[in-house]
Amino acid sequence: MAAIEHLLTAAVYCRAYEMDLKRGINRFRWIEYSFSATMMILLIAFYNGITAPQHHR
């Protein structure tokens, strides 16, 4: 995932990335992080045997 994000940032969104860095932000890092963190949480849950959310009443 990170490699795809780096490739897109370097090849397609280079100008927007550089403008963001001049303003002191890096939205592409946060976009990539939102996907990779979600995937990591799901994989950890699956590895621990959690396959569906449990609704307790």
N, C-alpha and C. Protein backbone atom coordinates (compact mmCIF):
# COMPACT_ATOMS: atom_id res chain seq x y z
N MET A 1 0.81 -1.19 0.00
CA MET A 1 0.00 0.00 0.00
C MET A 1 0.86 1.26 0.00
N ALA A 2 1.87 1.26 0.85
CA ALA A 2 2.73 2.44 0.94
C ALA A 2 3.46 2.67 -0.37
N ALA A 3 3.87 1.59 -1.02
CA ALA A 3 4.59 1.74 -2.29
C ALA A 3 3.69 2.36 -3.36
N ILE A 4 2.44 1.96 -3.39
CA ILE A 4 1.49 2.54 -4.35
C ILE A 4 1.29 4.02 -4.06
N GLU A 5 1.16 4.35 -2.78
CA GLU A 5 0.98 5.76 -2.40
C GLU A 5 2.20 6.58 -2.79
N HIS A 6 3.39 6.05 -2.55
CA HIS A 6 4.61 6.77 -2.92
C HIS A 6 4.72 6.96 -4.42
N LEU A 7 4.37 5.94 -5.17
CA LEU A 7 4.41 6.04 -6.63
C LEU A 7 3.44 7.09 -7.14
N LEU A 8 2.20 7.07 -6.63
CA LEU A 8 1.22 8.07 -7.05
C LEU A 8 1.65 9.48 -6.65
N THR A 9 2.16 9.62 -5.44
CA THR A 9 2.60 10.93 -4.98
C THR A 9 3.74 11.46 -5.84
N ALA A 10 4.69 10.60 -6.17
CA ALA A 10 5.85 11.04 -6.95
C ALA A 10 5.52 11.28 -8.42
N ALA A 11 4.62 10.46 -8.98
CA ALA A 11 4.38 10.52 -10.42
C ALA A 11 3.17 11.36 -10.80
N VAL A 12 2.11 11.28 -10.03
CA VAL A 12 0.85 11.90 -10.45
C VAL A 12 0.55 13.18 -9.67
N TYR A 13 0.76 13.13 -8.35
CA TYR A 13 0.36 14.25 -7.50
C TYR A 13 1.55 15.04 -6.97
N CYS A 14 2.63 15.05 -7.71
CA CYS A 14 3.87 15.68 -7.25
C CYS A 14 3.67 17.16 -6.92
N ARG A 15 3.01 17.88 -7.79
CA ARG A 15 2.82 19.33 -7.57
C ARG A 15 1.99 19.60 -6.31
N ALA A 16 0.90 18.86 -6.14
CA ALA A 16 0.06 19.04 -4.95
C ALA A 16 0.84 18.67 -3.69
N TYR A 17 1.63 17.62 -3.77
CA TYR A 17 2.43 17.17 -2.63
C TYR A 17 3.44 18.24 -2.23
N GLU A 18 4.12 18.81 -3.20
CA GLU A 18 5.12 19.84 -2.91
C GLU A 18 4.47 21.11 -2.36
N MET A 19 3.30 21.47 -2.88
CA MET A 19 2.59 22.65 -2.35
C MET A 19 2.16 22.41 -0.90
N ASP A 20 1.69 21.19 -0.62
CA ASP A 20 1.31 20.86 0.74
C ASP A 20 2.50 20.94 1.69
N LEU A 21 3.65 20.44 1.25
CA LEU A 21 4.84 20.48 2.11
C LEU A 21 5.26 21.92 2.40
N LYS A 22 5.12 22.80 1.43
CA LYS A 22 5.43 24.22 1.66
C LYS A 22 4.51 24.82 2.71
N ARG A 23 3.28 24.31 2.80
CA ARG A 23 2.31 24.79 3.80
C ARG A 23 2.44 24.05 5.12
N GLY A 24 3.33 23.06 5.16
CA GLY A 24 3.58 22.33 6.40
C GLY A 24 2.61 21.19 6.66
N ILE A 25 1.96 20.69 5.62
CA ILE A 25 1.04 19.56 5.78
C ILE A 25 1.44 18.43 4.83
N ASN A 26 0.92 17.25 5.11
CA ASN A 26 1.18 16.10 4.25
C ASN A 26 -0.07 15.22 4.23
N ARG A 27 -1.06 15.66 3.47
CA ARG A 27 -2.34 14.93 3.44
C ARG A 27 -2.20 13.54 2.85
N PHE A 28 -1.25 13.35 1.94
CA PHE A 28 -1.08 12.04 1.32
C PHE A 28 -0.64 10.99 2.34
N ARG A 29 0.16 11.40 3.32
CA ARG A 29 0.57 10.48 4.38
C ARG A 29 -0.65 10.04 5.18
N TRP A 30 -1.53 10.98 5.50
CA TRP A 30 -2.71 10.65 6.30
C TRP A 30 -3.71 9.80 5.52
N ILE A 31 -3.83 10.05 4.24
CA ILE A 31 -4.73 9.22 3.41
C ILE A 31 -4.22 7.79 3.38
N GLU A 32 -2.92 7.61 3.12
CA GLU A 32 -2.33 6.28 3.09
C GLU A 32 -2.43 5.62 4.45
N TYR A 33 -2.19 6.39 5.51
CA TYR A 33 -2.26 5.84 6.86
C TYR A 33 -3.67 5.37 7.20
N SER A 34 -4.67 6.09 6.75
CA SER A 34 -6.04 5.67 7.07
C SER A 34 -6.36 4.31 6.47
N PHE A 35 -5.85 4.04 5.28
CA PHE A 35 -6.09 2.74 4.66
C PHE A 35 -5.23 1.65 5.30
N SER A 36 -3.95 1.93 5.50
CA SER A 36 -3.06 0.89 6.03
C SER A 36 -3.39 0.58 7.49
N ALA A 37 -3.76 1.58 8.29
CA ALA A 37 -4.11 1.33 9.69
C ALA A 37 -5.39 0.50 9.78
N THR A 38 -6.36 0.79 8.94
CA THR A 38 -7.60 0.00 8.93
C THR A 38 -7.30 -1.45 8.55
N MET A 39 -6.48 -1.63 7.53
CA MET A 39 -6.11 -2.99 7.10
C MET A 39 -5.37 -3.72 8.22
N MET A 40 -4.49 -3.03 8.91
CA MET A 40 -3.74 -3.65 9.99
C MET A 40 -4.67 -4.08 11.13
N ILE A 41 -5.61 -3.24 11.51
CA ILE A 41 -6.55 -3.59 12.57
C ILE A 41 -7.40 -4.80 12.17
N LEU A 42 -7.86 -4.82 10.93
CA LEU A 42 -8.65 -5.98 10.46
C LEU A 42 -7.84 -7.26 10.46
N LEU A 43 -6.59 -7.19 10.00
CA LEU A 43 -5.74 -8.39 9.97
C LEU A 43 -5.44 -8.89 11.38
N ILE A 44 -5.18 -7.98 12.31
CA ILE A 44 -4.95 -8.40 13.69
C ILE A 44 -6.20 -9.07 14.25
N ALA A 45 -7.37 -8.52 13.96
CA ALA A 45 -8.61 -9.12 14.43
C ALA A 45 -8.80 -10.50 13.84
N PHE A 46 -8.59 -10.65 12.54
CA PHE A 46 -8.75 -11.96 11.90
C PHE A 46 -7.76 -12.98 12.45
N TYR A 47 -6.51 -12.56 12.68
CA TYR A 47 -5.51 -13.47 13.24
C TYR A 47 -5.88 -13.94 14.63
N ASN A 48 -6.66 -13.13 15.34
CA ASN A 48 -7.08 -13.49 16.69
C ASN A 48 -8.45 -14.17 16.71
N GLY A 49 -8.98 -14.49 15.55
CA GLY A 49 -10.22 -15.25 15.48
C GLY A 49 -11.48 -14.40 15.48
N ILE A 50 -11.35 -13.12 15.37
CA ILE A 50 -12.52 -12.25 15.34
C ILE A 50 -12.94 -12.09 13.88
N THR A 51 -14.12 -12.59 13.56
CA THR A 51 -14.57 -12.53 12.16
C THR A 51 -15.80 -11.67 11.96
N ALA A 52 -16.49 -11.32 13.05
CA ALA A 52 -17.68 -10.48 12.93
C ALA A 52 -17.86 -9.69 14.22
N PRO A 53 -18.38 -8.49 14.12
CA PRO A 53 -18.63 -7.73 15.35
C PRO A 53 -19.71 -8.38 16.19
N GLN A 54 -19.53 -8.36 17.49
CA GLN A 54 -20.49 -8.95 18.42
C GLN A 54 -21.36 -7.86 19.01
N HIS A 55 -22.64 -8.08 18.99
CA HIS A 55 -23.58 -7.12 19.57
C HIS A 55 -24.07 -7.68 20.89
N HIS A 56 -23.69 -7.02 21.97
CA HIS A 56 -24.10 -7.45 23.31
C HIS A 56 -25.26 -6.59 23.78
N ARG A 57 -26.23 -7.24 24.37
CA ARG A 57 -27.38 -6.50 24.91
C ARG A 57 -27.51 -6.75 26.37
